[in-house]
Amino acid sequence: MYQYSQEDHQLLQERVSQFRDQVARRLKGDLSEDEFKQQRLRNGLYLQLHAYMLRVAVPYGLLSSEQMRTLAHIARTYDRGYGHFSTRQNIQYNWPKLEDVPKILDDLAAVEMHAIQTSGNCIRNTTSDPLAGVARDEIADPRPYCELIRQWSTFHPEFNFLPRKFKIAVSGATHDRAAVAVHDIGLRLVKNDADELGMEVYVGGGLGRTPMIGKLIREFLPPHDMLTYLEAILRVYNKLGRRDNLYKARIKILVHETGEEKFRELVEEEWQQVKTSSLRLRDEDIKNIEAHFKDPEYEKLSDFDVDYDKELISDPMFANWADKNIELHKKDGYRVVYLSLKSRNQPTGDVTADQMDAIADLADKYSLGAIRSTHRQNLVLSDVKLSDLHSLWQELTALDLATPNYNHLTDIISCPGMDYCALATARSIPIAQALTERFDAYDFINDLGDISLNISGCINACGHHHVANIGILGVNKKGVEVYQLTLGGSAREDASIGKIIGPAFTADEIVDAVSDVLDVYLTNREDPEETFLTAYRRLGQGPFKEKLYG
């Protein structure tokens, strides 16, 4: 992973010192809350319903075991013993005291972490494929390009006060595990007919009040031009984006109202002004960053292991977990392992300090010290030997991190909802837990196969409900929390926005409504291999509406 330079360390130390002074002035009353707000937001500090919330950046979801132990220390020392992994691959703490935040930032800086630009109207943490560098379907490793974007965007003077927050995702594989189509800018690494590496550039994706799929504005961008082209897009947005209307400030609205072709013309025109500037990447620039992400010293192993096959046959519970939570690795004899943060015993995405410490130990023991976070609020051990899987599973089971549900029904994305968030209009966590309890029968989950279920507690859609196969949106209707169902969304390479199926359901009705939707799918699918999304696109809304509303 990327190792900080002396300049990086100095930048963090100066930033913490500045914010320590700002916090001291706020505590003494020399700064009002309004005056303090922009300073705290640019250091990742929100004011939520009950307390401050600190969002810590995890660039492109990559963590070392040492960093995970520091996150555990922070949860134990300054919070209530847990953290929450978000859909931007970051971790959030819900209960820090204001006077403790500079100490937290000091602890983070010591392990090359920070909370810079995790909030505010600026370029946020760049996200990526959690399998970056190890996926068998990878065209090229996206992490060096994510790191280049991080360095370019951090404290960028021109883009520090954008019309609205700005999110970028980069994917390097044939399968999109980074949801690039629903970001302000999405980059997908591709090869052209000459086998040259380039990027597809998508602009104007996003969820929230007006969900949209990003538009492909350039089919092949050479990697050397990545930063200059991003600069051009951001300049157009900064000049023309709406600042008079919060709800129309995102770049997706600008792209929509300008028109795809006209927006492309504006970007290309702006690009001519910067494409030959010092931002154009040289071969040595890319190679210097790529050197930070070279492969570890993998052992030469076989992809067949007699003992592993015996364990699959003799232990059905292990086999069930292995079937769902293990992915192929680019190296024979290794596997990628998903650690589910979706058990029945704690809220979606939450992980305790004790679990974090244990995960760090497991990473050192089984996965070359590497940990990844995912946009679906899970964790990944990326380099586990085939021969170690059974032992790892036993240890994960003892830690309540081995729920066999990756990409299945109870692998639910959920925002914190009204239990924490000042913007929420309904609760999300209790609904997610009720759904998990209802559908936590492994045979049933097996039968449903690949399916996504996401929940948001307000129209801001932090739970990504728009791009779930089954989405749930909590809203407040005349003082009562009710839940809308959307069907047919996808965040993958076939990205689509789900459609509202009909009138909302009460909290007491929504779980039964989801059950009815699943019944329609199981009754009408053509064969057990037909996924929910494929069946829904074939059937349309009709049979689902009839079952739900008569």
Protein backbone atom coordinates (compact mmCIF):
# COMPACT_ATOMS: atom_id res chain seq x y z
CA MET A 1 0.00 0.00 0.00
CA TYR A 2 1.03 3.62 -0.44
CA GLN A 3 3.63 4.79 2.10
CA TYR A 4 3.56 8.44 3.11
CA SER A 5 6.44 10.74 2.17
CA GLN A 6 7.96 13.28 4.55
CA GLU A 7 5.76 15.92 2.93
CA ASP A 8 2.64 13.79 3.55
CA HIS A 9 3.51 13.44 7.23
CA GLN A 10 4.19 17.15 7.59
CA LEU A 11 0.88 18.01 5.91
CA LEU A 12 -1.06 15.84 8.38
CA GLN A 13 0.78 17.22 11.40
CA GLU A 14 0.10 20.80 10.34
CA ARG A 15 -3.55 20.00 9.65
CA VAL A 16 -4.03 18.46 13.11
CA SER A 17 -2.33 21.45 14.72
CA GLN A 18 -4.60 23.87 12.88
CA PHE A 19 -7.73 21.98 13.84
CA ARG A 20 -6.62 21.66 17.46
CA ASP A 21 -6.50 25.46 17.61
CA GLN A 22 -9.92 25.74 15.93
CA VAL A 23 -11.45 23.29 18.42
CA ALA A 24 -9.94 25.19 21.36
CA ARG A 25 -11.42 28.44 20.06
CA ARG A 26 -14.83 26.80 19.61
CA LEU A 27 -14.77 25.37 23.15
CA LYS A 28 -13.89 28.79 24.57
CA GLY A 29 -16.70 30.42 22.61
CA ASP A 30 -14.41 32.45 20.35
CA LEU A 31 -15.96 30.69 17.35
CA SER A 32 -19.71 30.29 16.93
CA GLU A 33 -21.11 27.00 15.62
CA ASP A 34 -21.75 28.63 12.24
CA GLU A 35 -18.15 29.88 12.09
CA PHE A 36 -16.83 26.50 13.18
CA LYS A 37 -19.00 24.44 10.85
CA GLN A 38 -16.92 24.74 7.67
CA GLN A 39 -13.71 24.01 9.61
CA ARG A 40 -15.06 20.85 11.24
CA LEU A 41 -16.65 19.58 8.04
CA ARG A 42 -13.32 19.75 6.24
CA ASN A 43 -11.90 17.63 9.01
CA GLY A 44 -14.65 15.01 8.73
CA LEU A 45 -16.64 16.10 11.79
CA TYR A 46 -20.44 16.18 11.61
CA LEU A 47 -22.97 17.25 14.22
CA GLN A 48 -25.57 14.48 14.39
CA LEU A 49 -28.73 13.96 16.45
CA HIS A 50 -27.05 13.10 19.74
CA ALA A 51 -23.35 13.85 19.36
CA TYR A 52 -20.58 14.61 16.89
CA MET A 53 -19.74 12.00 14.29
CA LEU A 54 -16.20 11.66 12.92
CA ARG A 55 -15.73 10.10 9.48
CA VAL A 56 -12.24 8.69 8.89
CA ALA A 57 -10.96 8.26 5.34
CA VAL A 58 -9.95 4.81 4.15
CA PRO A 59 -8.53 5.63 0.70
CA TYR A 60 -9.86 3.13 -1.86
CA GLY A 61 -10.75 0.85 1.06
CA LEU A 62 -7.20 -0.31 1.84
CA LEU A 63 -6.10 -0.89 5.46
CA SER A 64 -3.09 -2.42 7.15
CA SER A 65 -3.35 -4.46 10.33
CA GLU A 66 -1.58 -1.65 12.19
CA GLN A 67 -4.17 0.85 11.01
CA MET A 68 -7.00 -1.46 12.03
CA ARG A 69 -5.55 -1.72 15.54
CA THR A 70 -5.48 2.07 15.73
CA LEU A 71 -9.13 2.20 14.67
CA ALA A 72 -9.91 -0.28 17.46
CA HIS A 73 -7.99 1.88 19.96
CA ILE A 74 -9.99 4.95 18.92
CA ALA A 75 -13.30 3.09 19.24
CA ARG A 76 -12.35 1.84 22.70
CA THR A 77 -10.79 5.05 24.02
CA TYR A 78 -12.84 7.86 22.52
CA ASP A 79 -16.13 6.27 21.44
CA ARG A 80 -18.47 3.60 22.75
CA GLY A 81 -16.45 0.61 21.66
CA TYR A 82 -17.38 0.29 18.00
CA GLY A 83 -17.13 1.88 14.57
CA HIS A 84 -19.35 1.85 11.50
CA PHE A 85 -18.11 1.13 7.95
CA SER A 86 -19.89 3.21 5.32
CA THR A 87 -20.66 2.83 1.62
CA ARG A 88 -17.64 5.05 0.78
CA GLN A 89 -15.37 2.41 2.35
CA ASN A 90 -14.74 4.81 5.27
CA ILE A 91 -15.24 4.23 9.00
CA GLN A 92 -17.39 6.48 11.19
CA TYR A 93 -17.42 7.05 14.95
CA ASN A 94 -20.76 8.17 16.34
CA TRP A 95 -19.89 9.40 19.85
CA PRO A 96 -16.58 11.32 20.02
CA LYS A 97 -16.36 14.35 22.29
CA LEU A 98 -15.30 17.55 20.57
CA GLU A 99 -12.33 18.08 22.89
CA ASP A 100 -11.05 14.57 22.01
CA VAL A 101 -11.13 14.95 18.22
CA PRO A 102 -7.61 16.48 17.88
CA LYS A 103 -6.23 13.56 19.90
CA ILE A 104 -8.03 11.14 17.59
CA LEU A 105 -6.56 12.89 14.55
CA ASP A 106 -3.10 12.68 16.16
CA ASP A 107 -3.52 8.92 16.61
CA LEU A 108 -4.67 8.57 13.00
CA ALA A 109 -1.78 10.61 11.64
CA ALA A 110 0.67 8.31 13.42
CA VAL A 111 -0.50 5.45 11.15
CA GLU A 112 -0.92 7.52 7.96
CA MET A 113 -4.66 8.10 8.28
CA HIS A 114 -6.83 11.21 8.52
CA ALA A 115 -10.34 12.61 8.14
CA ILE A 116 -9.53 15.29 5.58
CA GLN A 117 -12.25 15.95 2.98
CA THR A 118 -14.53 13.19 4.21
CA SER A 119 -17.25 15.85 4.30
CA GLY A 120 -17.91 19.30 2.88
CA ASN A 121 -18.41 20.49 -0.69
CA CYS A 122 -15.14 19.08 -1.97
CA ILE A 123 -13.79 15.93 -3.62
CA ARG A 124 -14.43 13.11 -1.16
CA ASN A 125 -12.61 9.80 -0.61
CA THR A 126 -12.06 8.00 -3.92
CA THR A 127 -13.48 4.48 -3.78
CA SER A 128 -12.56 1.36 -5.73
CA ASP A 129 -12.97 -2.36 -6.16
CA PRO A 130 -12.29 -4.14 -2.83
CA LEU A 131 -10.65 -6.91 -4.88
CA ALA A 132 -8.25 -4.48 -6.58
CA GLY A 133 -4.92 -6.13 -7.29
CA VAL A 134 -6.12 -9.69 -6.60
CA ALA A 135 -9.22 -10.20 -8.77
CA ARG A 136 -9.05 -12.80 -11.52
CA ASP A 137 -11.15 -10.65 -13.84
CA GLU A 138 -8.94 -7.59 -13.41
CA ILE A 139 -7.78 -5.69 -16.50
CA ALA A 140 -5.41 -3.49 -14.50
CA ASP A 141 -4.96 -2.52 -10.85
CA PRO A 142 -7.01 0.65 -10.20
CA ARG A 143 -5.31 1.53 -6.90
CA PRO A 144 -2.39 3.53 -8.37
CA TYR A 145 -4.91 5.72 -10.20
CA CYS A 146 -6.96 6.14 -7.04
CA GLU A 147 -3.82 7.26 -5.21
CA LEU A 148 -2.97 9.74 -7.94
CA ILE A 149 -6.50 11.15 -7.67
CA ARG A 150 -6.13 11.37 -3.88
CA GLN A 151 -2.91 13.34 -4.15
CA TRP A 152 -4.30 15.63 -6.85
CA SER A 153 -7.59 16.33 -5.08
CA THR A 154 -6.43 16.80 -1.48
CA PHE A 155 -6.47 20.53 -0.68
CA HIS A 156 -6.93 21.37 -4.36
CA PRO A 157 -7.37 25.17 -4.08
CA GLU A 158 -9.79 25.47 -7.00
CA PHE A 159 -12.06 22.63 -5.87
CA ASN A 160 -12.24 23.21 -2.11
CA PHE A 161 -15.63 24.96 -2.32
CA LEU A 162 -17.52 23.18 -5.06
CA PRO A 163 -21.26 23.68 -5.57
CA ARG A 164 -21.79 20.35 -3.78
CA LYS A 165 -19.91 17.28 -2.54
CA PHE A 166 -18.14 15.30 -5.25
CA LYS A 167 -17.47 11.55 -5.43
CA ILE A 168 -15.19 9.55 -7.71
CA ALA A 169 -14.90 5.77 -8.13
CA VAL A 170 -12.42 3.71 -10.15
CA SER A 171 -12.80 0.08 -11.29
CA GLY A 172 -10.23 -2.05 -13.04
CA ALA A 173 -12.13 -5.29 -13.66
CA THR A 174 -14.70 -6.63 -16.10
CA HIS A 175 -17.21 -6.87 -13.25
CA ASP A 176 -17.99 -3.56 -11.58
CA ARG A 177 -17.64 -3.94 -7.80
CA ALA A 178 -17.18 -0.19 -7.26
CA ALA A 179 -20.58 1.11 -8.49
CA VAL A 180 -18.88 3.54 -10.89
CA ALA A 181 -22.14 4.40 -12.68
CA VAL A 182 -23.66 6.12 -9.65
CA HIS A 183 -20.76 8.48 -8.93
CA ASP A 184 -20.17 12.06 -9.99
CA ILE A 185 -17.26 10.65 -11.98
CA GLY A 186 -16.75 6.95 -12.60
CA LEU A 187 -13.63 5.57 -14.30
CA ARG A 188 -13.43 2.03 -15.71
CA LEU A 189 -10.09 0.70 -16.92
CA VAL A 190 -10.40 -0.93 -20.35
CA LYS A 191 -8.23 -2.19 -23.20
CA ASN A 192 -8.68 -1.05 -26.80
CA ASP A 193 -8.24 -3.16 -29.94
CA ALA A 194 -4.49 -2.52 -29.82
CA ASP A 195 -4.38 -3.90 -26.27
CA GLU A 196 -3.57 -0.43 -24.88
CA LEU A 197 -4.82 0.53 -21.43
CA GLY A 198 -7.30 3.36 -21.15
CA MET A 199 -10.34 4.56 -19.23
CA GLU A 200 -14.03 4.90 -19.88
CA VAL A 201 -15.19 8.15 -18.26
CA TYR A 202 -18.70 8.36 -16.82
CA VAL A 203 -20.04 11.65 -15.46
CA GLY A 204 -23.26 12.64 -13.72
CA GLY A 205 -24.20 9.56 -11.76
CA GLY A 206 -25.63 9.83 -8.28
CA LEU A 207 -28.47 8.89 -5.99
CA GLY A 208 -30.39 11.04 -3.50
CA ARG A 209 -33.45 13.06 -4.41
CA THR A 210 -32.85 12.72 -8.17
CA PRO A 211 -31.14 9.38 -8.89
CA MET A 212 -29.30 9.11 -12.20
CA ILE A 213 -26.94 6.74 -13.99
CA GLY A 214 -23.71 8.35 -15.19
CA LYS A 215 -23.26 9.22 -18.86
CA LEU A 216 -20.32 7.85 -20.83
CA ILE A 217 -18.65 11.03 -22.10
CA ARG A 218 -15.37 9.49 -23.26
CA GLU A 219 -14.92 5.89 -24.37
CA PHE A 220 -11.13 5.76 -24.19
CA LEU A 221 -8.93 8.13 -22.20
CA PRO A 222 -5.20 7.31 -22.02
CA PRO A 223 -4.09 7.01 -18.36
CA HIS A 224 -1.52 9.79 -18.83
CA ASP A 225 -4.45 12.20 -19.42
CA MET A 226 -6.49 11.17 -16.38
CA LEU A 227 -5.74 14.14 -14.12
CA THR A 228 -5.99 16.75 -16.87
CA TYR A 229 -9.36 15.36 -17.96
CA LEU A 230 -10.64 15.26 -14.39
CA GLU A 231 -9.44 18.83 -13.98
CA ALA A 232 -11.43 19.84 -17.05
CA ILE A 233 -14.62 18.18 -15.77
CA LEU A 234 -14.30 19.80 -12.36
CA ARG A 235 -13.64 23.22 -13.90
CA VAL A 236 -16.80 23.02 -15.98
CA TYR A 237 -18.76 21.94 -12.92
CA ASN A 238 -17.25 24.62 -10.69
CA LYS A 239 -18.13 27.35 -13.21
CA LEU A 240 -21.60 26.19 -14.23
CA GLY A 241 -22.90 24.10 -11.29
CA ARG A 242 -25.90 25.50 -9.41
CA ARG A 243 -25.02 27.30 -6.19
CA ASP A 244 -28.44 28.88 -5.71
CA ASN A 245 -30.33 25.63 -5.10
CA LEU A 246 -29.04 22.86 -2.82
CA TYR A 247 -31.21 20.26 -4.55
CA LYS A 248 -29.89 21.10 -8.02
CA ALA A 249 -26.23 21.57 -7.12
CA ARG A 250 -24.83 18.13 -7.99
CA ILE A 251 -23.06 17.62 -11.32
CA LYS A 252 -25.73 15.11 -12.36
CA ILE A 253 -28.22 18.00 -12.62
CA LEU A 254 -25.76 20.05 -14.68
CA VAL A 255 -25.20 17.15 -17.08
CA HIS A 256 -28.93 16.52 -17.34
CA GLU A 257 -29.92 20.16 -17.91
CA THR A 258 -27.00 20.92 -20.24
CA GLY A 259 -27.43 17.74 -22.24
CA GLU A 260 -24.92 14.95 -22.66
CA GLU A 261 -23.49 16.14 -25.99
CA LYS A 262 -23.19 19.79 -24.95
CA PHE A 263 -21.58 18.83 -21.64
CA ARG A 264 -19.06 16.65 -23.49
CA GLU A 265 -18.23 19.60 -25.76
CA LEU A 266 -17.71 21.89 -22.76
CA VAL A 267 -15.35 19.39 -21.13
CA GLU A 268 -13.38 18.82 -24.33
CA GLU A 269 -13.07 22.58 -24.84
CA GLU A 270 -11.83 23.05 -21.27
CA TRP A 271 -9.49 20.08 -21.65
CA GLN A 272 -7.67 21.79 -24.51
CA GLN A 273 -6.60 24.44 -21.98
CA VAL A 274 -5.02 21.96 -19.54
CA LYS A 275 -4.22 18.72 -21.40
CA THR A 276 -0.54 19.61 -21.93
CA SER A 277 -0.06 21.17 -18.48
CA SER A 278 2.15 19.80 -15.71
CA LEU A 279 -0.82 17.71 -14.58
CA ARG A 280 -0.32 15.37 -17.53
CA LEU A 281 1.10 12.18 -16.08
CA ARG A 282 4.49 10.97 -17.24
CA ASP A 283 5.50 7.31 -17.40
CA GLU A 284 7.67 7.80 -14.31
CA ASP A 285 4.78 9.37 -12.38
CA ILE A 286 2.62 6.30 -12.93
CA LYS A 287 5.47 3.86 -12.32
CA ASN A 288 6.46 5.57 -9.05
CA ILE A 289 2.94 5.13 -7.69
CA GLU A 290 2.56 1.62 -9.10
CA ALA A 291 5.68 0.60 -7.16
CA HIS A 292 3.72 1.10 -3.93
CA PHE A 293 1.22 -1.56 -5.04
CA LYS A 294 3.45 -4.32 -6.33
CA ASP A 295 2.47 -7.88 -5.44
CA PRO A 296 3.63 -9.32 -2.13
CA GLU A 297 5.82 -12.43 -2.12
CA TYR A 298 3.18 -15.06 -2.88
CA GLU A 299 4.09 -18.70 -2.44
CA LYS A 300 3.82 -20.97 -5.43
CA LEU A 301 0.79 -23.08 -4.56
CA SER A 302 -1.70 -25.35 -6.26
CA ASP A 303 -5.36 -24.50 -6.72
CA PHE A 304 -6.23 -27.98 -5.46
CA ASP A 305 -5.93 -29.04 -1.84
CA VAL A 306 -7.03 -32.50 -0.69
CA ASP A 307 -7.54 -31.45 2.94
CA TYR A 308 -9.66 -28.46 1.89
CA ASP A 309 -11.87 -30.71 -0.24
CA LYS A 310 -12.27 -33.10 2.70
CA GLU A 311 -13.26 -30.22 5.00
CA LEU A 312 -15.92 -29.09 2.53
CA ILE A 313 -17.41 -32.58 2.46
CA SER A 314 -17.23 -33.25 6.19
CA ASP A 315 -18.42 -29.83 7.45
CA PRO A 316 -21.64 -28.58 5.76
CA MET A 317 -21.61 -25.27 7.66
CA PHE A 318 -18.09 -24.54 6.45
CA ALA A 319 -19.09 -25.52 2.92
CA ASN A 320 -22.09 -23.17 3.06
CA TRP A 321 -19.85 -20.27 4.14
CA ALA A 322 -17.19 -21.10 1.56
CA ASP A 323 -19.79 -21.18 -1.20
CA LYS A 324 -20.87 -17.59 -0.46
CA ASN A 325 -18.03 -15.69 1.18
CA ILE A 326 -15.01 -16.80 -0.84
CA GLU A 327 -13.87 -15.42 -4.22
CA LEU A 328 -11.20 -16.73 -6.57
CA HIS A 329 -7.79 -15.06 -6.33
CA LYS A 330 -5.52 -14.25 -9.25
CA LYS A 331 -2.87 -16.54 -7.73
CA ASP A 332 -3.44 -20.29 -7.53
CA GLY A 333 -3.69 -21.60 -3.99
CA TYR A 334 -5.04 -18.31 -2.59
CA ARG A 335 -8.57 -17.02 -2.05
CA VAL A 336 -10.30 -13.73 -1.22
CA VAL A 337 -12.47 -13.92 1.91
CA TYR A 338 -15.41 -11.66 2.76
CA LEU A 339 -15.93 -10.92 6.45
CA SER A 340 -19.64 -10.28 6.88
CA LEU A 341 -20.59 -7.28 9.03
CA LYS A 342 -24.23 -8.35 8.65
CA SER A 343 -24.92 -10.69 11.55
CA ARG A 344 -28.13 -10.77 13.58
CA ASN A 345 -26.33 -9.41 16.63
CA GLN A 346 -25.30 -5.89 15.63
CA PRO A 347 -26.33 -3.22 13.11
CA THR A 348 -25.24 -3.43 9.49
CA GLY A 349 -21.66 -2.23 8.99
CA ASP A 350 -20.86 -2.02 12.71
CA VAL A 351 -17.75 -3.65 14.11
CA THR A 352 -16.61 -3.61 17.73
CA ALA A 353 -13.17 -2.64 18.99
CA ASP A 354 -12.52 -6.22 20.06
CA GLN A 355 -13.52 -7.46 16.61
CA MET A 356 -11.23 -4.89 14.96
CA ASP A 357 -8.27 -6.04 17.05
CA ALA A 358 -9.05 -9.66 16.21
CA ILE A 359 -9.39 -8.85 12.49
CA ALA A 360 -5.96 -7.22 12.58
CA ASP A 361 -4.53 -10.37 14.16
CA LEU A 362 -6.24 -12.56 11.55
CA ALA A 363 -4.90 -10.36 8.76
CA ASP A 364 -1.37 -10.84 10.05
CA LYS A 365 -1.89 -14.56 10.54
CA TYR A 366 -3.70 -15.39 7.32
CA SER A 367 -3.64 -12.48 4.85
CA LEU A 368 -0.21 -10.82 4.70
CA GLY A 369 -1.42 -8.03 6.99
CA ALA A 370 -3.90 -6.63 4.43
CA ILE A 371 -7.55 -5.71 5.01
CA ARG A 372 -10.06 -4.11 2.61
CA SER A 373 -13.38 -2.37 3.23
CA THR A 374 -16.19 -2.62 0.67
CA HIS A 375 -18.91 -0.28 -0.51
CA ARG A 376 -21.39 -2.92 0.69
CA GLN A 377 -20.21 -2.36 4.29
CA ASN A 378 -18.20 -5.54 4.70
CA LEU A 379 -14.50 -6.29 5.12
CA VAL A 380 -12.14 -8.43 3.04
CA LEU A 381 -9.05 -10.49 3.73
CA SER A 382 -7.48 -10.51 0.29
CA ASP A 383 -4.68 -13.10 0.38
CA VAL A 384 -5.70 -16.24 2.27
CA LYS A 385 -4.18 -19.60 1.43
CA LEU A 386 -6.60 -22.33 0.42
CA SER A 387 -5.15 -24.55 3.15
CA ASP A 388 -5.95 -21.93 5.84
CA LEU A 389 -9.62 -21.36 4.99
CA HIS A 390 -11.11 -23.84 7.44
CA SER A 391 -9.05 -22.54 10.36
CA LEU A 392 -9.88 -18.94 9.41
CA TRP A 393 -13.59 -19.77 9.22
CA GLN A 394 -13.52 -21.26 12.71
CA GLU A 395 -11.94 -18.11 14.12
CA LEU A 396 -14.35 -15.84 12.22
CA THR A 397 -17.29 -17.87 13.51
CA ALA A 398 -16.18 -17.29 17.09
CA LEU A 399 -16.03 -13.55 16.33
CA ASP A 400 -19.51 -13.43 14.73
CA LEU A 401 -17.93 -12.44 11.40
CA ALA A 402 -18.77 -15.54 9.39
CA THR A 403 -22.42 -15.04 8.40
CA PRO A 404 -22.62 -16.80 4.99
CA ASN A 405 -24.52 -14.15 3.08
CA TYR A 406 -22.24 -12.18 0.75
CA ASN A 407 -24.31 -10.92 -2.23
CA HIS A 408 -27.35 -12.65 -0.76
CA LEU A 409 -30.54 -11.31 0.77
CA THR A 410 -29.30 -10.47 4.26
CA ASP A 411 -26.14 -8.76 2.99
CA ILE A 412 -28.09 -5.55 3.52
CA ILE A 413 -26.72 -2.05 2.99
CA SER A 414 -28.29 0.26 5.56
CA CYS A 415 -27.70 3.85 6.59
CA PRO A 416 -27.86 4.75 10.33
CA GLY A 417 -31.28 6.34 9.86
CA MET A 418 -33.06 8.23 12.63
CA ASP A 419 -31.13 6.41 15.34
CA TYR A 420 -28.19 8.75 14.60
CA CYS A 421 -28.66 10.99 11.57
CA ALA A 422 -30.13 14.49 11.84
CA LEU A 423 -31.32 14.33 8.22
CA ALA A 424 -33.15 11.01 8.46
CA THR A 425 -36.95 10.85 8.39
CA ALA A 426 -37.30 7.17 9.36
CA ARG A 427 -35.42 4.39 11.09
CA SER A 428 -33.32 2.01 9.03
CA ILE A 429 -31.49 -0.17 11.54
CA PRO A 430 -34.60 -1.81 13.09
CA ILE A 431 -35.99 -2.63 9.64
CA ALA A 432 -32.69 -4.18 8.55
CA GLN A 433 -32.60 -6.27 11.73
CA ALA A 434 -36.22 -7.37 11.29
CA LEU A 435 -35.52 -8.46 7.71
CA THR A 436 -32.40 -10.35 8.80
CA GLU A 437 -34.31 -12.17 11.51
CA ARG A 438 -37.14 -13.10 9.12
CA PHE A 439 -34.93 -14.34 6.28
CA ASP A 440 -31.92 -15.70 8.14
CA ALA A 441 -32.70 -19.29 7.16
CA TYR A 442 -29.72 -20.48 5.13
CA ASP A 443 -31.72 -22.80 2.87
CA PHE A 444 -34.02 -19.93 1.94
CA ILE A 445 -31.10 -17.59 1.21
CA ASN A 446 -29.48 -20.32 -0.90
CA ASP A 447 -32.63 -20.70 -2.93
CA LEU A 448 -32.86 -16.96 -3.62
CA GLY A 449 -29.29 -16.76 -4.85
CA ASP A 450 -27.67 -13.49 -5.93
CA ILE A 451 -29.88 -10.60 -4.76
CA SER A 452 -29.37 -7.17 -3.19
CA LEU A 453 -31.53 -5.46 -0.55
CA ASN A 454 -30.68 -1.91 0.58
CA ILE A 455 -32.35 0.50 3.01
CA SER A 456 -32.21 4.30 3.31
CA GLY A 457 -33.74 6.37 6.09
CA CYS A 458 -34.31 9.45 3.94
CA ILE A 459 -34.32 10.73 0.38
CA ASN A 460 -30.55 11.38 0.50
CA ALA A 461 -30.19 7.64 -0.18
CA CYS A 462 -27.05 6.94 1.85
CA GLY A 463 -28.21 3.30 1.91
CA HIS A 464 -28.13 3.12 -1.92
CA HIS A 465 -31.72 1.85 -2.07
CA HIS A 466 -32.16 3.14 -5.63
CA VAL A 467 -29.62 0.64 -7.01
CA ALA A 468 -30.73 -2.41 -5.05
CA ASN A 469 -32.70 -5.23 -6.63
CA ILE A 470 -35.09 -4.57 -3.74
CA GLY A 471 -34.82 -1.08 -2.26
CA ILE A 472 -36.52 0.35 0.81
CA LEU A 473 -36.86 4.09 1.47
CA GLY A 474 -38.11 5.29 4.83
CA VAL A 475 -40.12 8.52 4.78
CA ASN A 476 -42.24 10.44 7.26
CA LYS A 477 -45.88 10.77 6.26
CA LYS A 478 -47.95 12.92 8.61
CA GLY A 479 -45.78 11.97 11.56
CA VAL A 480 -45.71 8.24 10.76
CA GLU A 481 -42.67 6.36 9.45
CA VAL A 482 -43.57 4.50 6.26
CA TYR A 483 -41.46 2.60 3.74
CA GLN A 484 -41.52 2.72 -0.05
CA LEU A 485 -40.45 -0.31 -2.08
CA THR A 486 -38.40 0.04 -5.26
CA LEU A 487 -37.62 -2.90 -7.52
CA GLY A 488 -35.17 -3.52 -10.33
CA GLY A 489 -32.12 -1.48 -9.35
CA SER A 490 -28.50 -2.50 -9.90
CA ALA A 491 -25.13 -0.96 -8.97
CA ARG A 492 -23.08 -3.24 -11.21
CA GLU A 493 -22.01 -3.02 -14.84
CA ASP A 494 -25.71 -3.30 -15.82
CA ALA A 495 -26.53 -0.33 -13.57
CA SER A 496 -30.15 0.77 -13.30
CA ILE A 497 -32.38 2.80 -11.01
CA GLY A 498 -35.16 0.86 -9.31
CA LYS A 499 -38.76 1.94 -9.74
CA ILE A 500 -41.26 2.60 -6.94
CA ILE A 501 -43.76 -0.25 -6.98
CA GLY A 502 -46.69 1.54 -5.34
CA PRO A 503 -47.95 3.04 -2.06
CA ALA A 504 -45.68 2.82 0.99
CA PHE A 505 -45.95 0.27 3.82
CA THR A 506 -45.85 0.80 7.56
CA ALA A 507 -42.98 -0.52 9.66
CA ASP A 508 -45.18 -3.47 10.65
CA GLU A 509 -45.98 -4.27 7.00
CA ILE A 510 -42.69 -3.83 5.18
CA VAL A 511 -41.12 -7.18 6.06
CA ASP A 512 -44.21 -9.04 4.85
CA ALA A 513 -44.15 -6.94 1.69
CA VAL A 514 -40.58 -8.02 0.97
CA SER A 515 -41.66 -11.61 1.60
CA ASP A 516 -44.44 -11.21 -0.98
CA VAL A 517 -41.97 -9.87 -3.54
CA LEU A 518 -39.73 -12.86 -3.00
CA ASP A 519 -42.67 -15.25 -3.33
CA VAL A 520 -43.49 -13.78 -6.75
CA TYR A 521 -39.91 -14.25 -7.85
CA LEU A 522 -39.66 -17.85 -6.64
CA THR A 523 -43.00 -18.74 -8.23
CA ASN A 524 -42.27 -17.15 -11.60
CA ARG A 525 -38.57 -17.62 -12.28
CA GLU A 526 -37.82 -19.77 -15.29
CA ASP A 527 -35.24 -21.93 -13.49
CA PRO A 528 -33.18 -21.83 -10.27
CA GLU A 529 -30.35 -20.07 -12.11
CA GLU A 530 -32.46 -17.06 -13.10
CA THR A 531 -31.58 -14.21 -10.71
CA PHE A 532 -34.13 -11.91 -9.14
CA LEU A 533 -33.02 -8.98 -11.30
CA THR A 534 -33.24 -10.99 -14.53
CA ALA A 535 -36.68 -12.28 -13.58
CA TYR A 536 -37.93 -8.82 -12.64
CA ARG A 537 -36.74 -7.33 -15.92
CA ARG A 538 -38.49 -10.11 -17.80
CA LEU A 539 -41.72 -10.03 -15.80
CA GLY A 540 -42.10 -6.30 -15.24
CA GLN A 541 -43.92 -4.77 -12.28
CA GLY A 542 -47.30 -6.40 -12.96
CA PRO A 543 -47.16 -9.65 -10.95
CA PHE A 544 -45.38 -7.92 -8.05
CA LYS A 545 -47.99 -5.15 -7.86
CA GLU A 546 -50.82 -7.67 -7.99
CA LYS A 547 -49.33 -9.66 -5.09
CA LEU A 548 -48.64 -6.57 -2.98
CA TYR A 549 -51.83 -4.59 -3.57
CA GLY A 550 -54.36 -7.03 -5.03
